[in-house]
Amino acid sequence: MGRPRIIDDAPLLAIAREVFVKDGAFGSTREIAQRAGVSEAALFKRFGTKAGLFLAAMAPPAVDPAEIVRRAEALDDARAGVALIADLTLAYFREALPVVLPLIQNPLIGPDAVHRHFGHGQASRLTEAIAGYLAGEERQGRLGPVQPFAAAALMVASLHSVALFELMGFHGGAVPPRGVDGLIEALWTGLAPHVPDSQEPSR
């Protein structure tokens, strides 16, 4: 019977993730092993190579586009739904990018290996789900005439850029909430139902 593991994979990978987020591809397996209380040999026995450990530790968090849309639809108000989708999408990118970028930049791995290992499509799935939500809101008259996929792609790309700018240190590493609110308001201006001139309030 083999010796029991001193530390389970989950806490070990959490330690490895901290080291790799801090130091990127140069993160030390010796430091990881020391902090986890295991030998480097034990690390490689579990994960094969440093690249294998990196892939396991830096797995991007999963996103559930259907749940995001379900929560927006439950509000029964398109403006509030768009704002909620934006908040949840930005929160996802803020969590995902710090681990995804070191993963695809690792010279031992690269984007092709990442896609083979984890599959494609987190941003694509988000975009498609949001486009479906926008199309549904348009059918119910709660949005103006829009191209749902184009609008969804613009929203996802904009929020991805906010999280990326933060990671790069812009705005002190955190875009002010008023800046994010302004972005959503600009998106909403293009999505809002068009009010006929005869129904516009008098000034």
N, C-alpha and C. Protein backbone atom coordinates (compact mmCIF):
# COMPACT_ATOMS: atom_id res chain seq x y z
N MET A 1 0.85 -1.19 0.00
CA MET A 1 0.00 0.00 0.00
C MET A 1 0.89 1.24 0.00
N GLY A 2 0.60 2.20 -0.89
CA GLY A 2 1.40 3.41 -0.97
C GLY A 2 1.16 4.31 0.23
N ARG A 3 2.13 5.20 0.44
CA ARG A 3 2.01 6.14 1.53
C ARG A 3 0.89 7.14 1.24
N PRO A 4 0.09 7.53 2.26
CA PRO A 4 -0.98 8.50 2.01
C PRO A 4 -0.40 9.86 1.63
N ARG A 5 -1.14 10.60 0.83
CA ARG A 5 -0.70 11.93 0.43
C ARG A 5 -0.71 12.85 1.65
N ILE A 6 0.31 13.69 1.75
CA ILE A 6 0.40 14.62 2.86
C ILE A 6 -0.58 15.77 2.68
N ILE A 7 -0.81 16.16 1.44
CA ILE A 7 -1.71 17.27 1.14
C ILE A 7 -2.54 16.90 -0.08
N ASP A 8 -3.82 17.23 -0.04
CA ASP A 8 -4.69 16.94 -1.17
C ASP A 8 -4.36 17.85 -2.34
N ASP A 9 -4.86 17.48 -3.52
CA ASP A 9 -4.55 18.26 -4.72
C ASP A 9 -5.07 19.69 -4.63
N ALA A 10 -6.29 19.88 -4.10
CA ALA A 10 -6.89 21.22 -4.12
C ALA A 10 -6.03 22.26 -3.39
N PRO A 11 -5.64 22.02 -2.13
CA PRO A 11 -4.80 23.03 -1.47
C PRO A 11 -3.41 23.14 -2.10
N LEU A 12 -2.89 22.02 -2.60
CA LEU A 12 -1.58 22.08 -3.25
C LEU A 12 -1.66 22.96 -4.50
N LEU A 13 -2.71 22.78 -5.29
CA LEU A 13 -2.86 23.58 -6.50
C LEU A 13 -3.13 25.04 -6.18
N ALA A 14 -3.80 25.31 -5.05
CA ALA A 14 -4.00 26.69 -4.64
C ALA A 14 -2.66 27.37 -4.34
N ILE A 15 -1.76 26.63 -3.69
CA ILE A 15 -0.42 27.17 -3.42
C ILE A 15 0.32 27.40 -4.74
N ALA A 16 0.26 26.42 -5.63
CA ALA A 16 0.94 26.55 -6.92
C ALA A 16 0.38 27.74 -7.71
N ARG A 17 -0.94 27.94 -7.65
CA ARG A 17 -1.54 29.06 -8.37
C ARG A 17 -1.02 30.38 -7.84
N GLU A 18 -0.90 30.51 -6.53
CA GLU A 18 -0.37 31.74 -5.94
C GLU A 18 1.05 32.02 -6.45
N VAL A 19 1.86 30.99 -6.50
CA VAL A 19 3.25 31.15 -6.93
C VAL A 19 3.30 31.50 -8.42
N PHE A 20 2.50 30.82 -9.22
CA PHE A 20 2.54 31.06 -10.67
C PHE A 20 1.93 32.41 -11.04
N VAL A 21 0.88 32.84 -10.34
CA VAL A 21 0.31 34.16 -10.60
C VAL A 21 1.35 35.23 -10.27
N LYS A 22 2.11 35.01 -9.20
CA LYS A 22 3.12 35.98 -8.77
C LYS A 22 4.33 35.99 -9.70
N ASP A 23 4.81 34.80 -10.09
CA ASP A 23 6.08 34.71 -10.82
C ASP A 23 5.96 34.21 -12.25
N GLY A 24 4.76 33.87 -12.69
CA GLY A 24 4.58 33.39 -14.05
C GLY A 24 5.28 32.06 -14.28
N ALA A 25 5.80 31.89 -15.51
CA ALA A 25 6.44 30.63 -15.88
C ALA A 25 7.68 30.35 -15.06
N PHE A 26 8.23 31.39 -14.41
CA PHE A 26 9.43 31.21 -13.61
C PHE A 26 9.13 30.81 -12.17
N GLY A 27 7.85 30.62 -11.85
CA GLY A 27 7.50 30.17 -10.51
C GLY A 27 8.25 28.90 -10.15
N SER A 28 8.74 28.86 -8.94
CA SER A 28 9.63 27.77 -8.51
C SER A 28 8.85 26.58 -7.98
N THR A 29 9.11 25.41 -8.57
CA THR A 29 8.50 24.20 -8.02
C THR A 29 9.07 23.89 -6.63
N ARG A 30 10.29 24.32 -6.38
CA ARG A 30 10.86 24.13 -5.04
C ARG A 30 10.08 24.93 -4.01
N GLU A 31 9.74 26.17 -4.35
CA GLU A 31 8.95 26.99 -3.42
C GLU A 31 7.58 26.37 -3.20
N ILE A 32 6.96 25.90 -4.28
CA ILE A 32 5.64 25.27 -4.16
C ILE A 32 5.72 24.06 -3.24
N ALA A 33 6.71 23.21 -3.47
CA ALA A 33 6.85 22.00 -2.67
C ALA A 33 7.09 22.34 -1.21
N GLN A 34 7.94 23.33 -0.94
CA GLN A 34 8.23 23.71 0.44
C GLN A 34 6.98 24.23 1.13
N ARG A 35 6.24 25.09 0.45
CA ARG A 35 5.04 25.66 1.06
C ARG A 35 3.96 24.60 1.27
N ALA A 36 3.95 23.60 0.40
CA ALA A 36 2.94 22.53 0.52
C ALA A 36 3.37 21.41 1.46
N GLY A 37 4.65 21.42 1.84
CA GLY A 37 5.13 20.38 2.75
C GLY A 37 5.35 19.05 2.07
N VAL A 38 5.71 19.08 0.78
CA VAL A 38 6.01 17.85 0.04
C VAL A 38 7.35 18.04 -0.67
N SER A 39 7.85 16.98 -1.24
CA SER A 39 9.09 17.07 -2.00
C SER A 39 8.79 17.46 -3.44
N GLU A 40 9.78 18.00 -4.15
CA GLU A 40 9.60 18.27 -5.58
C GLU A 40 9.31 16.97 -6.33
N ALA A 41 9.94 15.89 -5.90
CA ALA A 41 9.69 14.60 -6.56
C ALA A 41 8.22 14.21 -6.46
N ALA A 42 7.62 14.51 -5.31
CA ALA A 42 6.19 14.20 -5.13
C ALA A 42 5.33 15.04 -6.08
N LEU A 43 5.73 16.30 -6.28
CA LEU A 43 5.00 17.15 -7.23
C LEU A 43 5.01 16.53 -8.62
N PHE A 44 6.21 16.13 -9.06
CA PHE A 44 6.33 15.61 -10.42
C PHE A 44 5.68 14.24 -10.56
N LYS A 45 5.63 13.50 -9.46
CA LYS A 45 4.94 12.20 -9.51
C LYS A 45 3.45 12.41 -9.76
N ARG A 46 2.90 13.45 -9.15
CA ARG A 46 1.46 13.72 -9.32
C ARG A 46 1.14 14.34 -10.68
N PHE A 47 1.97 15.28 -11.12
CA PHE A 47 1.60 16.09 -12.28
C PHE A 47 2.51 15.90 -13.49
N GLY A 48 3.52 15.05 -13.36
CA GLY A 48 4.35 14.69 -14.51
C GLY A 48 5.46 15.68 -14.79
N THR A 49 5.11 16.90 -15.11
CA THR A 49 6.09 17.92 -15.48
C THR A 49 5.67 19.25 -14.85
N LYS A 50 6.58 20.22 -14.92
CA LYS A 50 6.22 21.55 -14.46
C LYS A 50 5.08 22.11 -15.29
N ALA A 51 5.10 21.85 -16.60
CA ALA A 51 4.01 22.32 -17.46
C ALA A 51 2.69 21.69 -17.05
N GLY A 52 2.72 20.40 -16.68
CA GLY A 52 1.50 19.74 -16.23
C GLY A 52 0.98 20.34 -14.94
N LEU A 53 1.87 20.67 -14.02
CA LEU A 53 1.48 21.33 -12.78
C LEU A 53 0.90 22.70 -13.08
N PHE A 54 1.54 23.43 -13.99
CA PHE A 54 1.08 24.77 -14.35
C PHE A 54 -0.34 24.71 -14.92
N LEU A 55 -0.57 23.77 -15.83
CA LEU A 55 -1.90 23.62 -16.42
C LEU A 55 -2.94 23.30 -15.36
N ALA A 56 -2.61 22.38 -14.46
CA ALA A 56 -3.57 21.98 -13.43
C ALA A 56 -3.87 23.13 -12.47
N ALA A 57 -2.82 23.89 -12.12
CA ALA A 57 -2.98 24.96 -11.14
C ALA A 57 -3.70 26.16 -11.73
N MET A 58 -3.46 26.43 -13.01
CA MET A 58 -3.96 27.66 -13.61
C MET A 58 -5.23 27.43 -14.43
N ALA A 59 -5.95 26.38 -14.14
CA ALA A 59 -7.20 26.13 -14.85
C ALA A 59 -8.11 27.34 -14.70
N PRO A 60 -8.58 27.92 -15.79
CA PRO A 60 -9.44 29.10 -15.67
C PRO A 60 -10.77 28.73 -15.02
N PRO A 61 -11.32 29.63 -14.23
CA PRO A 61 -12.62 29.34 -13.61
C PRO A 61 -13.69 29.18 -14.67
N ALA A 62 -14.66 28.36 -14.38
CA ALA A 62 -15.76 28.14 -15.32
C ALA A 62 -16.75 29.28 -15.23
N VAL A 63 -17.42 29.57 -16.32
CA VAL A 63 -18.48 30.56 -16.34
C VAL A 63 -19.76 29.86 -16.73
N ASP A 64 -20.87 30.29 -16.16
CA ASP A 64 -22.17 29.69 -16.45
C ASP A 64 -23.05 30.73 -17.12
N PRO A 65 -22.94 30.87 -18.45
CA PRO A 65 -23.72 31.90 -19.14
C PRO A 65 -25.22 31.74 -18.95
N ALA A 66 -25.70 30.50 -18.90
CA ALA A 66 -27.13 30.28 -18.76
C ALA A 66 -27.63 30.83 -17.43
N GLU A 67 -26.84 30.68 -16.37
CA GLU A 67 -27.24 31.19 -15.06
C GLU A 67 -27.22 32.72 -15.06
N ILE A 68 -26.24 33.31 -15.71
CA ILE A 68 -26.19 34.78 -15.80
C ILE A 68 -27.44 35.30 -16.49
N VAL A 69 -27.80 34.69 -17.60
CA VAL A 69 -28.99 35.12 -18.34
C VAL A 69 -30.25 34.86 -17.52
N ARG A 70 -30.32 33.72 -16.85
CA ARG A 70 -31.51 33.41 -16.03
C ARG A 70 -31.73 34.48 -14.98
N ARG A 71 -30.65 34.92 -14.34
CA ARG A 71 -30.78 35.95 -13.31
C ARG A 71 -31.22 37.28 -13.91
N ALA A 72 -30.74 37.58 -15.11
CA ALA A 72 -31.16 38.82 -15.76
C ALA A 72 -32.64 38.76 -16.16
N GLU A 73 -33.07 37.63 -16.69
CA GLU A 73 -34.47 37.48 -17.10
C GLU A 73 -35.41 37.57 -15.92
N ALA A 74 -34.97 37.14 -14.75
CA ALA A 74 -35.81 37.17 -13.56
C ALA A 74 -36.12 38.60 -13.13
N LEU A 75 -35.33 39.56 -13.56
CA LEU A 75 -35.57 40.95 -13.17
C LEU A 75 -36.74 41.57 -13.93
N ASP A 76 -37.04 41.03 -15.12
CA ASP A 76 -38.17 41.51 -15.92
C ASP A 76 -38.04 43.00 -16.25
N ASP A 77 -36.80 43.48 -16.36
CA ASP A 77 -36.54 44.87 -16.72
C ASP A 77 -35.24 44.89 -17.49
N ALA A 78 -35.30 45.30 -18.75
CA ALA A 78 -34.14 45.17 -19.63
C ALA A 78 -32.94 45.99 -19.15
N ARG A 79 -33.18 47.21 -18.68
CA ARG A 79 -32.07 48.05 -18.23
C ARG A 79 -31.36 47.41 -17.03
N ALA A 80 -32.13 46.93 -16.08
CA ALA A 80 -31.55 46.26 -14.92
C ALA A 80 -30.89 44.95 -15.32
N GLY A 81 -31.49 44.24 -16.30
CA GLY A 81 -30.91 42.98 -16.76
C GLY A 81 -29.57 43.18 -17.43
N VAL A 82 -29.46 44.20 -18.27
CA VAL A 82 -28.19 44.50 -18.93
C VAL A 82 -27.13 44.86 -17.89
N ALA A 83 -27.51 45.65 -16.89
CA ALA A 83 -26.56 46.04 -15.85
C ALA A 83 -26.09 44.82 -15.05
N LEU A 84 -27.02 43.91 -14.74
CA LEU A 84 -26.63 42.72 -13.99
C LEU A 84 -25.70 41.84 -14.81
N ILE A 85 -26.03 41.64 -16.08
CA ILE A 85 -25.16 40.84 -16.95
C ILE A 85 -23.76 41.45 -17.00
N ALA A 86 -23.70 42.77 -17.11
CA ALA A 86 -22.40 43.44 -17.15
C ALA A 86 -21.63 43.22 -15.85
N ASP A 87 -22.31 43.35 -14.72
CA ASP A 87 -21.64 43.16 -13.42
C ASP A 87 -21.08 41.74 -13.29
N LEU A 88 -21.88 40.75 -13.66
CA LEU A 88 -21.46 39.36 -13.51
C LEU A 88 -20.36 39.00 -14.51
N THR A 89 -20.46 39.55 -15.72
CA THR A 89 -19.43 39.28 -16.73
C THR A 89 -18.10 39.90 -16.32
N LEU A 90 -18.13 41.13 -15.82
CA LEU A 90 -16.90 41.77 -15.37
C LEU A 90 -16.30 41.02 -14.19
N ALA A 91 -17.14 40.57 -13.27
CA ALA A 91 -16.64 39.80 -12.13
C ALA A 91 -15.94 38.53 -12.60
N TYR A 92 -16.51 37.88 -13.61
CA TYR A 92 -15.87 36.67 -14.15
C TYR A 92 -14.51 36.99 -14.75
N PHE A 93 -14.43 38.03 -15.58
CA PHE A 93 -13.15 38.37 -16.21
C PHE A 93 -12.11 38.79 -15.16
N ARG A 94 -12.54 39.48 -14.12
CA ARG A 94 -11.61 39.86 -13.06
C ARG A 94 -11.04 38.64 -12.36
N GLU A 95 -11.81 37.59 -12.27
CA GLU A 95 -11.33 36.35 -11.65
C GLU A 95 -10.49 35.53 -12.62
N ALA A 96 -10.90 35.51 -13.88
CA ALA A 96 -10.27 34.60 -14.84
C ALA A 96 -8.95 35.11 -15.40
N LEU A 97 -8.88 36.39 -15.75
CA LEU A 97 -7.70 36.87 -16.47
C LEU A 97 -6.39 36.71 -15.70
N PRO A 98 -6.37 36.91 -14.37
CA PRO A 98 -5.09 36.75 -13.67
C PRO A 98 -4.49 35.35 -13.78
N VAL A 99 -5.33 34.33 -14.05
CA VAL A 99 -4.78 32.99 -14.22
C VAL A 99 -4.66 32.60 -15.69
N VAL A 100 -5.54 33.13 -16.54
CA VAL A 100 -5.50 32.77 -17.94
C VAL A 100 -4.27 33.34 -18.64
N LEU A 101 -3.95 34.61 -18.37
CA LEU A 101 -2.83 35.24 -19.07
C LEU A 101 -1.50 34.54 -18.80
N PRO A 102 -1.14 34.25 -17.54
CA PRO A 102 0.11 33.52 -17.34
C PRO A 102 0.10 32.14 -18.01
N LEU A 103 -1.08 31.55 -18.11
CA LEU A 103 -1.20 30.23 -18.72
C LEU A 103 -0.84 30.27 -20.20
N ILE A 104 -1.42 31.21 -20.94
CA ILE A 104 -1.17 31.24 -22.37
C ILE A 104 0.19 31.85 -22.70
N GLN A 105 0.78 32.60 -21.76
CA GLN A 105 2.09 33.20 -21.99
C GLN A 105 3.25 32.28 -21.60
N ASN A 106 2.94 31.17 -20.95
CA ASN A 106 3.98 30.25 -20.53
C ASN A 106 4.61 29.61 -21.76
N PRO A 107 5.94 29.79 -21.96
CA PRO A 107 6.58 29.24 -23.17
C PRO A 107 6.55 27.72 -23.22
N LEU A 108 6.32 27.07 -22.08
CA LEU A 108 6.24 25.61 -22.06
C LEU A 108 4.86 25.11 -22.49
N ILE A 109 3.91 26.02 -22.59
CA ILE A 109 2.53 25.60 -22.84
C ILE A 109 1.97 26.28 -24.08
N GLY A 110 1.64 27.55 -23.99
CA GLY A 110 1.11 28.30 -25.13
C GLY A 110 -0.38 28.11 -25.31
N PRO A 111 -1.00 28.99 -26.11
CA PRO A 111 -2.45 28.96 -26.27
C PRO A 111 -3.00 27.68 -26.89
N ASP A 112 -2.26 27.07 -27.83
CA ASP A 112 -2.77 25.86 -28.47
C ASP A 112 -2.95 24.74 -27.46
N ALA A 113 -1.95 24.56 -26.59
CA ALA A 113 -2.05 23.51 -25.57
C ALA A 113 -3.16 23.82 -24.58
N VAL A 114 -3.33 25.10 -24.26
CA VAL A 114 -4.41 25.50 -23.34
C VAL A 114 -5.76 25.14 -23.94
N HIS A 115 -5.95 25.44 -25.23
CA HIS A 115 -7.23 25.14 -25.86
C HIS A 115 -7.46 23.63 -25.97
N ARG A 116 -6.40 22.88 -26.23
CA ARG A 116 -6.56 21.42 -26.29
C ARG A 116 -6.95 20.87 -24.92
N HIS A 117 -6.37 21.44 -23.87
CA HIS A 117 -6.58 20.92 -22.52
C HIS A 117 -7.95 21.32 -21.96
N PHE A 118 -8.32 22.60 -22.15
CA PHE A 118 -9.54 23.12 -21.52
C PHE A 118 -10.68 23.34 -22.50
N GLY A 119 -10.37 23.33 -23.80
CA GLY A 119 -11.40 23.62 -24.78
C GLY A 119 -11.51 25.12 -25.05
N HIS A 120 -12.20 25.44 -26.10
CA HIS A 120 -12.40 26.83 -26.50
C HIS A 120 -13.71 27.34 -25.89
N GLY A 121 -13.83 28.66 -25.86
CA GLY A 121 -15.19 29.15 -25.85
C GLY A 121 -15.78 29.81 -24.65
N GLN A 122 -15.07 30.16 -23.58
CA GLN A 122 -15.74 30.82 -22.47
C GLN A 122 -16.35 32.14 -22.94
N ALA A 123 -15.54 32.99 -23.58
CA ALA A 123 -16.06 34.27 -24.06
C ALA A 123 -17.11 34.08 -25.14
N SER A 124 -16.92 33.08 -26.00
CA SER A 124 -17.90 32.81 -27.05
C SER A 124 -19.24 32.37 -26.46
N ARG A 125 -19.18 31.51 -25.45
CA ARG A 125 -20.42 31.06 -24.80
C ARG A 125 -21.14 32.23 -24.12
N LEU A 126 -20.36 33.09 -23.49
CA LEU A 126 -20.95 34.28 -22.88
C LEU A 126 -21.64 35.14 -23.94
N THR A 127 -20.93 35.39 -25.03
CA THR A 127 -21.46 36.24 -26.09
C THR A 127 -22.75 35.66 -26.66
N GLU A 128 -22.76 34.38 -26.93
CA GLU A 128 -23.95 33.74 -27.50
C GLU A 128 -25.13 33.81 -26.54
N ALA A 129 -24.88 33.58 -25.24
CA ALA A 129 -25.95 33.62 -24.26
C ALA A 129 -26.51 35.03 -24.11
N ILE A 130 -25.62 36.01 -24.07
CA ILE A 130 -26.07 37.40 -23.94
C ILE A 130 -26.84 37.82 -25.19
N ALA A 131 -26.37 37.39 -26.36
CA ALA A 131 -27.09 37.69 -27.61
C ALA A 131 -28.50 37.11 -27.56
N GLY A 132 -28.64 35.91 -27.04
CA GLY A 132 -29.97 35.31 -26.90
C GLY A 132 -30.86 36.12 -25.98
N TYR A 133 -30.28 36.59 -24.88
CA TYR A 133 -31.04 37.43 -23.95
C TYR A 133 -31.50 38.71 -24.64
N LEU A 134 -30.60 39.38 -25.34
CA LEU A 134 -30.94 40.63 -26.02
C LEU A 134 -32.01 40.41 -27.09
N ALA A 135 -31.89 39.32 -27.83
CA ALA A 135 -32.90 39.02 -28.85
C ALA A 135 -34.27 38.83 -28.21
N GLY A 136 -34.30 38.13 -27.08
CA GLY A 136 -35.57 37.93 -26.38
C GLY A 136 -36.17 39.23 -25.87
N GLU A 137 -35.32 40.10 -25.33
CA GLU A 137 -35.81 41.39 -24.85
C GLU A 137 -36.30 42.26 -26.01
N GLU A 138 -35.63 42.16 -27.15
CA GLU A 138 -36.08 42.92 -28.32
C GLU A 138 -37.45 42.45 -28.78
N ARG A 139 -37.66 41.13 -28.79
CA ARG A 139 -38.96 40.58 -29.22
C ARG A 139 -40.09 41.07 -28.32
N GLN A 140 -39.77 41.30 -27.06
CA GLN A 140 -40.80 41.75 -26.11
C GLN A 140 -40.93 43.27 -26.08
N GLY A 141 -40.19 43.94 -26.94
CA GLY A 141 -40.32 45.38 -27.02
C GLY A 141 -39.59 46.15 -25.95
N ARG A 142 -38.73 45.46 -25.21
CA ARG A 142 -38.01 46.15 -24.12
C ARG A 142 -36.65 46.68 -24.57
N LEU A 143 -36.28 46.39 -25.83
CA LEU A 143 -35.08 46.96 -26.44
C LEU A 143 -35.46 47.51 -27.80
N GLY A 144 -34.65 48.46 -28.27
CA GLY A 144 -34.84 48.95 -29.63
C GLY A 144 -34.34 47.94 -30.63
N PRO A 145 -34.47 48.24 -31.92
CA PRO A 145 -33.93 47.33 -32.95
C PRO A 145 -32.41 47.21 -32.79
N VAL A 146 -31.94 46.01 -32.55
CA VAL A 146 -30.51 45.80 -32.35
C VAL A 146 -30.05 44.59 -33.15
N GLN A 147 -28.76 44.51 -33.34
CA GLN A 147 -28.15 43.28 -33.83
C GLN A 147 -27.63 42.56 -32.58
N PRO A 148 -28.36 41.56 -32.07
CA PRO A 148 -28.04 41.00 -30.76
C PRO A 148 -26.61 40.49 -30.62
N PHE A 149 -26.11 39.79 -31.62
CA PHE A 149 -24.76 39.23 -31.48
C PHE A 149 -23.72 40.34 -31.45
N ALA A 150 -23.89 41.35 -32.32
CA ALA A 150 -22.93 42.46 -32.34
C ALA A 150 -22.95 43.21 -31.01
N ALA A 151 -24.14 43.45 -30.47
CA ALA A 151 -24.25 44.16 -29.20
C ALA A 151 -23.63 43.33 -28.07
N ALA A 152 -23.89 42.02 -28.06
CA ALA A 152 -23.34 41.16 -27.03
C ALA A 152 -21.82 41.09 -27.13
N ALA A 153 -21.30 40.99 -28.35
CA ALA A 153 -19.85 40.94 -28.54
C ALA A 153 -19.20 42.23 -28.07
N LEU A 154 -19.84 43.37 -28.32
CA LEU A 154 -19.32 44.66 -27.87
C LEU A 154 -19.29 44.71 -26.34
N MET A 155 -20.35 44.22 -25.70
CA MET A 155 -20.40 44.22 -24.25
C MET A 155 -19.30 43.34 -23.66
N VAL A 156 -19.17 42.13 -24.19
CA VAL A 156 -18.16 41.20 -23.66
C VAL A 156 -16.76 41.75 -23.88
N ALA A 157 -16.50 42.26 -25.08
CA ALA A 157 -15.17 42.80 -25.37
C ALA A 157 -14.84 44.00 -24.49
N SER A 158 -15.81 44.86 -24.26
CA SER A 158 -15.58 46.05 -23.43
C SER A 158 -15.26 45.66 -21.99
N LEU A 159 -16.01 44.73 -21.45
CA LEU A 159 -15.80 44.32 -20.06
C LEU A 159 -14.50 43.54 -19.92
N HIS A 160 -14.16 42.74 -20.93
CA HIS A 160 -12.87 42.06 -20.94
C HIS A 160 -11.75 43.09 -20.90
N SER A 161 -11.89 44.17 -21.65
CA SER A 161 -10.87 45.21 -21.69
C SER A 161 -10.73 45.90 -20.34
N VAL A 162 -11.85 46.14 -19.66
CA VAL A 162 -11.78 46.75 -18.33
C VAL A 162 -10.94 45.89 -17.39
N ALA A 163 -11.24 44.58 -17.37
CA ALA A 163 -10.49 43.68 -16.48
C ALA A 163 -9.02 43.61 -16.89
N LEU A 164 -8.76 43.63 -18.19
CA LEU A 164 -7.37 43.57 -18.67
C LEU A 164 -6.61 44.84 -18.29
N PHE A 165 -7.25 46.00 -18.46
CA PHE A 165 -6.60 47.26 -18.08
C PHE A 165 -6.27 47.27 -16.58
N GLU A 166 -7.18 46.76 -15.78
CA GLU A 166 -6.92 46.69 -14.34
C GLU A 166 -5.71 45.81 -14.05
N LEU A 167 -5.64 44.69 -14.73
CA LEU A 167 -4.53 43.76 -14.53
C LEU A 167 -3.20 44.41 -14.95
N MET A 168 -3.26 45.28 -15.93
CA MET A 168 -2.06 45.97 -16.40
C MET A 168 -1.68 47.16 -15.51
N GLY A 169 -2.53 47.45 -14.53
CA GLY A 169 -2.21 48.53 -13.59
C GLY A 169 -2.86 49.86 -13.90
N PHE A 170 -3.68 49.93 -14.95
CA PHE A 170 -4.37 51.18 -15.24
C PHE A 170 -5.34 51.51 -14.10
N HIS A 171 -5.53 52.79 -13.85
CA HIS A 171 -6.44 53.26 -12.80
C HIS A 171 -6.07 52.67 -11.44
N GLY A 172 -4.79 52.47 -11.23
CA GLY A 172 -4.36 51.91 -9.96
C GLY A 172 -4.79 50.47 -9.77
N GLY A 173 -5.11 49.77 -10.86
CA GLY A 173 -5.51 48.37 -10.78
C GLY A 173 -6.98 48.16 -10.53
N ALA A 174 -7.76 49.25 -10.50
CA ALA A 174 -9.21 49.10 -10.30
C ALA A 174 -9.92 50.26 -10.98
N VAL A 175 -10.65 49.96 -12.04
CA VAL A 175 -11.43 51.00 -12.72
C VAL A 175 -12.51 51.48 -11.76
N PRO A 176 -12.65 52.78 -11.56
CA PRO A 176 -13.67 53.28 -10.62
C PRO A 176 -15.07 52.82 -11.01
N PRO A 177 -15.91 52.54 -10.02
CA PRO A 177 -17.28 52.11 -10.35
C PRO A 177 -18.00 53.07 -11.28
N ARG A 178 -17.76 54.37 -11.13
CA ARG A 178 -18.45 55.32 -12.01
C ARG A 178 -18.01 55.14 -13.47
N GLY A 179 -16.76 54.69 -13.66
CA GLY A 179 -16.29 54.43 -15.02
C GLY A 179 -17.00 53.24 -15.63
N VAL A 180 -17.18 52.18 -14.84
CA VAL A 180 -17.91 51.01 -15.32
C VAL A 180 -19.37 51.37 -15.57
N ASP A 181 -19.96 52.16 -14.64
CA ASP A 181 -21.36 52.58 -14.82
C ASP A 181 -21.51 53.39 -16.11
N GLY A 182 -20.53 54.25 -16.39
CA GLY A 182 -20.59 55.04 -17.61
C GLY A 182 -20.53 54.17 -18.85
N LEU A 183 -19.71 53.13 -18.80
CA LEU A 183 -19.63 52.20 -19.92
C LEU A 183 -20.97 51.51 -20.16
N ILE A 184 -21.59 51.05 -19.09
CA ILE A 184 -22.88 50.36 -19.23
C ILE A 184 -23.95 51.33 -19.72
N GLU A 185 -23.90 52.57 -19.23
CA GLU A 185 -24.88 53.56 -19.68
C GLU A 185 -24.73 53.82 -21.17
N ALA A 186 -23.48 53.87 -21.65
CA ALA A 186 -23.25 54.08 -23.08
C ALA A 186 -23.79 52.90 -23.89
N LEU A 187 -23.58 51.68 -23.40
CA LEU A 187 -24.13 50.51 -24.08
C LEU A 187 -25.65 50.56 -24.08
N TRP A 188 -26.23 50.92 -22.93
CA TRP A 188 -27.68 50.95 -22.82
C TRP A 188 -28.29 51.99 -23.77
N THR A 189 -27.60 53.13 -23.95
CA THR A 189 -28.11 54.17 -24.85
C THR A 189 -28.36 53.60 -26.25
N GLY A 190 -27.49 52.70 -26.67
CA GLY A 190 -27.67 52.09 -27.99
C GLY A 190 -28.70 50.97 -28.01
N LEU A 191 -29.04 50.44 -26.83
CA LEU A 191 -29.97 49.32 -26.75
C LEU A 191 -31.40 49.74 -26.41
N ALA A 192 -31.54 50.89 -25.78
CA ALA A 192 -32.84 51.29 -25.24
C ALA A 192 -33.90 51.39 -26.33
N PRO A 193 -35.16 51.12 -25.97
CA PRO A 193 -36.25 51.26 -26.95
C PRO A 193 -36.31 52.69 -27.47
N HIS A 194 -36.64 52.83 -28.72
CA HIS A 194 -36.76 54.15 -29.32
C HIS A 194 -38.16 54.71 -29.04
N VAL A 195 -38.21 55.88 -28.47
CA VAL A 195 -39.49 56.52 -28.15
C VAL A 195 -39.87 57.44 -29.31
N PRO A 196 -41.06 57.24 -29.90
CA PRO A 196 -41.48 58.13 -31.00
C PRO A 196 -41.50 59.58 -30.54
N ASP A 197 -41.24 60.49 -31.47
CA ASP A 197 -41.18 61.91 -31.13
C ASP A 197 -42.46 62.38 -30.42
N SER A 198 -43.60 61.85 -30.86
CA SER A 198 -44.87 62.30 -30.28
C SER A 198 -45.02 61.87 -28.83
N GLN A 199 -44.20 60.88 -28.39
CA GLN A 199 -44.30 60.39 -27.01
C GLN A 199 -43.19 60.94 -26.12
N GLU A 200 -42.30 61.74 -26.69
CA GLU A 200 -41.23 62.29 -25.88
C GLU A 200 -41.80 63.33 -24.93
N PRO A 201 -41.33 63.36 -23.70
CA PRO A 201 -41.83 64.35 -22.75
C PRO A 201 -41.47 65.76 -23.21
N SER A 202 -42.41 66.69 -22.97
CA SER A 202 -42.13 68.09 -23.34
C SER A 202 -41.09 68.67 -22.42
N ARG A 203 -40.31 69.59 -22.95
CA ARG A 203 -39.25 70.20 -22.17
C ARG A 203 -39.68 71.56 -21.64
